[in-house]
N, C-alpha and C. Protein backbone atom coordinates (compact mmCIF):
# COMPACT_ATOMS: atom_id res chain seq x y z
N MET A 1 7.57 17.17 8.09
CA MET A 1 7.76 16.10 9.09
C MET A 1 8.36 14.78 8.38
N ASP A 2 9.18 14.36 9.13
CA ASP A 2 9.80 13.14 8.45
C ASP A 2 8.86 11.93 8.36
N PRO A 3 8.93 11.00 7.52
CA PRO A 3 8.09 9.88 7.37
C PRO A 3 7.98 9.17 8.69
N ARG A 4 8.99 8.68 9.38
CA ARG A 4 9.05 7.90 10.58
C ARG A 4 8.14 8.62 11.73
N THR A 5 8.35 9.77 12.09
CA THR A 5 7.52 10.72 12.82
C THR A 5 6.18 10.59 12.61
N ALA A 6 5.90 10.89 11.28
CA ALA A 6 4.49 10.86 10.76
C ALA A 6 3.86 9.64 11.00
N PHE A 7 4.51 8.46 10.68
CA PHE A 7 4.08 7.13 10.92
C PHE A 7 3.55 6.96 12.30
N GLU A 8 4.41 7.37 13.37
CA GLU A 8 4.15 7.42 14.76
C GLU A 8 2.77 8.09 15.06
N MET A 9 2.70 9.26 14.46
CA MET A 9 1.47 10.12 14.69
C MET A 9 0.21 9.37 14.24
N ALA A 10 0.39 8.75 12.99
CA ALA A 10 -0.65 8.11 12.31
C ALA A 10 -1.06 7.04 13.13
N GLU A 11 -0.08 6.01 13.57
CA GLU A 11 -0.44 4.93 14.48
C GLU A 11 -1.27 5.49 15.73
N ALA A 12 -0.81 6.65 16.36
CA ALA A 12 -1.53 7.24 17.43
C ALA A 12 -2.99 7.73 17.19
N GLY A 13 -3.32 7.88 15.66
CA GLY A 13 -4.69 8.10 15.38
C GLY A 13 -4.78 9.40 14.46
N ASP A 14 -3.60 10.05 14.32
CA ASP A 14 -3.87 11.31 13.60
C ASP A 14 -3.94 11.05 12.24
N PRO A 15 -5.01 11.61 11.38
CA PRO A 15 -5.31 11.15 10.00
C PRO A 15 -4.24 11.78 9.05
N ILE A 16 -4.05 10.85 8.03
CA ILE A 16 -3.26 11.33 6.73
C ILE A 16 -4.13 11.75 5.68
N ILE A 17 -4.00 12.76 5.05
CA ILE A 17 -4.75 13.11 3.94
C ILE A 17 -3.89 13.25 2.69
N ASP A 18 -4.08 12.30 1.75
CA ASP A 18 -3.51 12.40 0.37
C ASP A 18 -4.16 13.21 -0.41
N VAL A 19 -3.50 14.36 -0.81
CA VAL A 19 -4.05 15.46 -1.37
C VAL A 19 -3.92 15.56 -3.03
N ARG A 20 -3.59 14.30 -3.62
CA ARG A 20 -3.30 14.17 -4.93
C ARG A 20 -4.47 13.82 -5.58
N THR A 21 -4.60 13.77 -6.84
CA THR A 21 -5.86 13.37 -7.69
C THR A 21 -6.11 11.95 -7.32
N ARG A 22 -7.42 11.63 -7.73
CA ARG A 22 -7.88 10.29 -7.46
C ARG A 22 -6.94 9.16 -8.10
N ALA A 23 -6.63 9.52 -9.46
CA ALA A 23 -5.81 8.63 -10.21
C ALA A 23 -4.42 8.30 -9.69
N GLU A 24 -3.92 9.38 -9.02
CA GLU A 24 -2.53 9.24 -8.56
C GLU A 24 -2.58 8.40 -7.20
N TYR A 25 -3.67 8.76 -6.59
CA TYR A 25 -4.09 7.96 -5.25
C TYR A 25 -4.13 6.44 -5.49
N GLU A 26 -4.87 6.25 -6.43
CA GLU A 26 -5.18 4.79 -6.62
C GLU A 26 -3.93 4.06 -7.23
N ARG A 27 -3.01 4.68 -7.78
CA ARG A 27 -1.61 3.96 -8.16
C ARG A 27 -0.89 3.37 -6.95
N ARG A 28 -0.71 4.44 -6.06
CA ARG A 28 -0.03 4.01 -4.86
C ARG A 28 -0.23 5.17 -3.67
N HIS A 29 -0.55 4.66 -2.59
CA HIS A 29 -0.68 5.66 -1.43
C HIS A 29 -0.39 5.07 -0.16
N ILE A 30 -0.16 6.13 0.68
CA ILE A 30 0.17 5.61 2.24
C ILE A 30 -0.91 4.69 2.91
N ALA A 31 -0.77 3.74 3.44
CA ALA A 31 -1.78 2.87 4.00
C ALA A 31 -2.51 3.61 4.95
N GLY A 32 -3.87 3.53 4.84
CA GLY A 32 -4.65 4.36 5.90
C GLY A 32 -4.94 5.93 5.41
N ALA A 33 -4.27 6.31 4.47
CA ALA A 33 -4.54 7.65 4.01
C ALA A 33 -5.85 7.99 3.38
N LEU A 34 -6.53 8.92 3.56
CA LEU A 34 -7.68 9.17 2.91
C LEU A 34 -7.39 10.19 1.70
N ASN A 35 -8.16 9.98 0.57
CA ASN A 35 -7.81 10.80 -0.67
C ASN A 35 -8.84 11.98 -0.59
N ILE A 36 -8.37 13.17 -0.33
CA ILE A 36 -8.95 14.48 -0.46
C ILE A 36 -8.16 15.43 -1.41
N PRO A 37 -8.49 15.37 -2.80
CA PRO A 37 -7.70 16.32 -3.72
C PRO A 37 -7.61 17.65 -3.08
N ILE A 38 -6.44 18.22 -3.36
CA ILE A 38 -6.26 19.69 -2.81
C ILE A 38 -7.20 20.68 -3.14
N ASP A 39 -7.71 20.44 -4.36
CA ASP A 39 -8.78 21.41 -4.90
C ASP A 39 -10.16 21.32 -4.25
N THR A 40 -10.34 20.42 -3.50
CA THR A 40 -11.61 20.17 -2.66
C THR A 40 -11.29 20.22 -1.07
N LEU A 41 -10.04 20.45 -0.77
CA LEU A 41 -9.62 20.38 0.53
C LEU A 41 -10.54 21.20 1.52
N PRO A 42 -10.65 22.69 1.34
CA PRO A 42 -11.35 23.40 2.32
C PRO A 42 -12.70 22.82 2.79
N GLY A 43 -13.46 22.53 1.90
CA GLY A 43 -14.76 22.08 2.13
C GLY A 43 -14.89 20.63 2.84
N ALA A 44 -14.02 19.77 2.29
CA ALA A 44 -14.01 18.33 2.60
C ALA A 44 -13.47 18.34 4.26
N LEU A 45 -12.43 19.17 4.35
CA LEU A 45 -11.66 19.19 5.81
C LEU A 45 -12.89 19.50 6.85
N ALA A 46 -13.81 20.24 6.69
CA ALA A 46 -15.00 20.69 7.60
C ALA A 46 -15.55 19.21 7.87
N MET A 47 -15.61 18.42 6.98
CA MET A 47 -16.45 17.28 7.25
C MET A 47 -15.64 16.17 8.03
N LEU A 48 -14.41 16.35 8.05
CA LEU A 48 -13.60 15.27 9.02
C LEU A 48 -13.88 15.48 10.39
N GLU A 49 -14.33 14.44 11.03
CA GLU A 49 -14.66 14.36 12.45
C GLU A 49 -13.48 14.04 13.34
N VAL A 50 -12.46 14.74 13.35
CA VAL A 50 -11.24 14.45 14.08
C VAL A 50 -10.65 15.70 14.70
N ASP A 51 -10.30 15.61 15.92
CA ASP A 51 -9.38 16.49 16.59
C ASP A 51 -7.97 16.35 16.56
N GLY A 52 -7.24 17.23 16.83
CA GLY A 52 -5.78 17.01 16.73
C GLY A 52 -5.21 17.27 15.33
N PRO A 53 -3.89 17.05 15.40
CA PRO A 53 -3.09 17.42 14.05
C PRO A 53 -3.63 16.57 12.91
N VAL A 54 -3.37 17.09 11.65
CA VAL A 54 -3.78 16.41 10.56
C VAL A 54 -2.23 16.38 9.73
N LEU A 55 -2.00 15.14 9.05
CA LEU A 55 -0.75 14.87 8.14
C LEU A 55 -1.27 15.02 6.69
N THR A 56 -0.50 15.58 5.88
CA THR A 56 -0.68 15.73 4.49
C THR A 56 0.35 15.05 3.79
N ALA A 57 -0.22 14.33 2.54
CA ALA A 57 0.99 13.82 1.65
C ALA A 57 0.53 13.89 0.19
N CYS A 58 1.34 13.97 -0.75
CA CYS A 58 1.28 13.95 -2.10
C CYS A 58 2.48 12.92 -2.58
N THR A 59 2.96 13.21 -3.64
CA THR A 59 3.88 12.33 -4.35
C THR A 59 5.49 12.56 -3.53
N TYR A 60 5.77 13.86 -3.76
CA TYR A 60 7.13 14.12 -3.21
C TYR A 60 7.02 15.26 -2.25
N GLY A 61 5.87 15.81 -1.87
CA GLY A 61 5.81 16.88 -0.72
C GLY A 61 5.44 18.16 -1.04
N ASN A 62 5.29 18.55 -2.37
CA ASN A 62 5.08 19.93 -2.64
C ASN A 62 3.51 20.22 -2.45
N ARG A 63 2.68 19.58 -2.95
CA ARG A 63 1.27 19.75 -2.76
C ARG A 63 0.96 19.52 -1.28
N GLY A 64 1.65 18.50 -0.59
CA GLY A 64 1.25 18.32 0.72
C GLY A 64 1.60 19.53 1.56
N GLY A 65 2.77 20.15 1.20
CA GLY A 65 3.29 21.41 1.88
C GLY A 65 2.04 22.40 1.79
N ARG A 66 1.63 22.68 0.48
CA ARG A 66 0.50 23.75 0.32
C ARG A 66 -0.71 23.40 1.06
N ALA A 67 -1.07 22.14 1.13
CA ALA A 67 -2.14 21.71 1.74
C ALA A 67 -2.10 21.97 3.38
N ALA A 68 -0.97 21.61 3.83
CA ALA A 68 -0.65 21.89 5.33
C ALA A 68 -0.90 23.31 5.60
N GLU A 69 -0.37 24.27 4.72
CA GLU A 69 -0.55 25.58 4.95
C GLU A 69 -2.15 26.02 4.77
N LEU A 70 -2.82 25.53 3.78
CA LEU A 70 -4.24 25.72 3.71
C LEU A 70 -5.11 25.42 5.01
N ILE A 71 -4.52 24.27 5.47
CA ILE A 71 -5.20 23.62 6.71
C ILE A 71 -4.90 24.58 7.84
N ALA A 72 -3.68 24.99 8.03
CA ALA A 72 -3.30 25.76 9.00
C ALA A 72 -4.08 27.20 9.00
N LEU A 73 -4.35 27.66 7.82
CA LEU A 73 -4.99 28.89 7.61
C LEU A 73 -6.41 28.79 8.27
N SER A 74 -7.01 27.50 8.20
CA SER A 74 -8.35 27.23 8.76
C SER A 74 -8.31 27.04 10.26
N GLY A 75 -7.15 27.25 10.82
CA GLY A 75 -7.07 27.12 12.39
C GLY A 75 -6.71 25.68 12.86
N ARG A 76 -6.42 24.82 11.92
CA ARG A 76 -6.12 23.25 12.28
C ARG A 76 -4.60 23.21 12.55
N THR A 77 -4.12 22.35 13.12
CA THR A 77 -2.65 21.95 13.07
C THR A 77 -2.39 20.95 12.02
N ALA A 78 -1.55 21.32 11.15
CA ALA A 78 -1.14 20.28 10.14
C ALA A 78 0.28 20.26 9.73
N PHE A 79 0.69 19.10 9.36
CA PHE A 79 2.17 18.84 9.05
C PHE A 79 2.16 17.97 7.75
N SER A 80 3.10 18.54 6.90
CA SER A 80 3.25 17.79 5.52
C SER A 80 4.31 16.62 5.81
N ILE A 81 4.15 15.52 5.11
CA ILE A 81 5.22 14.62 5.13
C ILE A 81 6.21 14.89 4.24
N GLU A 82 7.44 15.05 4.79
CA GLU A 82 8.67 15.61 3.95
C GLU A 82 8.94 14.26 2.86
N GLY A 83 8.93 14.67 1.74
CA GLY A 83 9.14 13.68 0.58
C GLY A 83 8.03 13.00 0.16
N GLY A 84 6.87 13.14 0.70
CA GLY A 84 5.56 12.59 0.34
C GLY A 84 5.50 11.07 0.34
N THR A 85 4.85 10.48 -0.46
CA THR A 85 4.58 9.06 -0.59
C THR A 85 5.86 8.30 -0.92
N HIS A 86 6.64 9.01 -1.76
CA HIS A 86 7.82 8.39 -2.29
C HIS A 86 8.93 8.23 -0.99
N ALA A 87 8.99 9.21 -0.14
CA ALA A 87 9.82 8.98 0.93
C ALA A 87 9.31 8.00 1.94
N TRP A 88 8.00 8.10 1.87
CA TRP A 88 7.38 7.10 2.90
C TRP A 88 7.69 5.57 2.44
N GLN A 89 7.48 5.41 1.26
CA GLN A 89 7.77 3.94 0.80
C GLN A 89 9.20 3.71 0.98
N GLN A 90 10.10 4.71 0.56
CA GLN A 90 11.62 4.45 0.82
C GLN A 90 11.97 4.11 2.02
N ALA A 91 11.23 4.74 3.16
CA ALA A 91 11.47 4.39 4.61
C ALA A 91 11.01 3.03 5.01
N GLY A 92 10.41 2.22 4.02
CA GLY A 92 9.94 0.92 4.27
C GLY A 92 8.54 0.89 5.08
N LEU A 93 7.86 2.01 4.93
CA LEU A 93 6.50 2.22 5.59
C LEU A 93 5.48 1.65 4.63
N PRO A 94 4.36 1.32 5.32
CA PRO A 94 3.44 0.56 4.42
C PRO A 94 2.50 1.48 3.42
N VAL A 95 2.61 0.90 2.15
CA VAL A 95 1.73 1.66 1.15
C VAL A 95 0.79 0.64 0.57
N VAL A 96 -0.12 1.11 -0.17
CA VAL A 96 -1.30 0.36 -0.76
C VAL A 96 -1.41 0.79 -2.15
N ASN A 97 -1.65 -0.22 -3.04
CA ASN A 97 -2.01 0.03 -4.47
C ASN A 97 -3.47 -0.17 -4.57
N GLY A 98 -4.20 0.83 -5.37
CA GLY A 98 -5.73 0.57 -5.56
C GLY A 98 -6.44 1.78 -4.86
N PRO A 99 -7.72 1.72 -5.09
CA PRO A 99 -8.45 2.88 -4.55
C PRO A 99 -8.86 2.86 -3.07
N ALA A 100 -8.75 1.70 -2.49
CA ALA A 100 -9.21 1.70 -0.88
C ALA A 100 -8.06 2.22 -0.14
N PRO A 101 -8.31 2.95 1.13
CA PRO A 101 -7.42 3.51 1.90
C PRO A 101 -6.52 2.35 2.50
N GLY A 102 -6.90 1.06 2.48
CA GLY A 102 -6.07 0.12 3.16
C GLY A 102 -6.44 0.12 4.64
N ARG A 103 -5.77 -0.76 5.40
CA ARG A 103 -5.94 -0.95 6.81
C ARG A 103 -5.53 0.36 7.56
N ARG A 104 -6.37 0.84 8.50
CA ARG A 104 -6.06 1.90 9.25
C ARG A 104 -4.91 1.47 10.19
N LEU A 105 -3.85 2.39 10.47
CA LEU A 105 -2.81 1.80 11.13
C LEU A 105 -3.15 1.37 12.54
N HIS A 106 -3.20 2.10 13.64
CA HIS A 106 -3.67 1.68 14.78
C HIS A 106 -4.61 2.90 15.40
N PRO A 107 -5.92 2.87 15.37
CA PRO A 107 -6.71 3.96 15.83
C PRO A 107 -6.38 4.24 17.14
N ARG A 108 -6.80 5.52 17.59
CA ARG A 108 -6.80 5.82 19.21
C ARG A 108 -7.88 5.12 19.82
N PRO A 109 -7.61 4.70 21.11
CA PRO A 109 -8.70 3.99 21.74
C PRO A 109 -9.67 4.94 22.17
């Protein structure tokens, strides 16, 4: 999924899961993204209390794509953000440096 469409989904309340390591996430990540490394994804996903689609991201899209496939195998709808955090930033969309997820975009009412 292209970054602009993913941004619109995130603004509507669909969660973005950054599947990179903690160190990668802390360098720079999509504003509002939660860090759930891909190797912990199946167990952690069950703890997310959200309905609807999930968006996945990594640096350039490879791990994000694998994560979306894993999530889909668990019966959830998931989309990988094409080009990952790099493409998101190149599109002028908000990113955060540091460990906090940053401001959630616009949660659903």
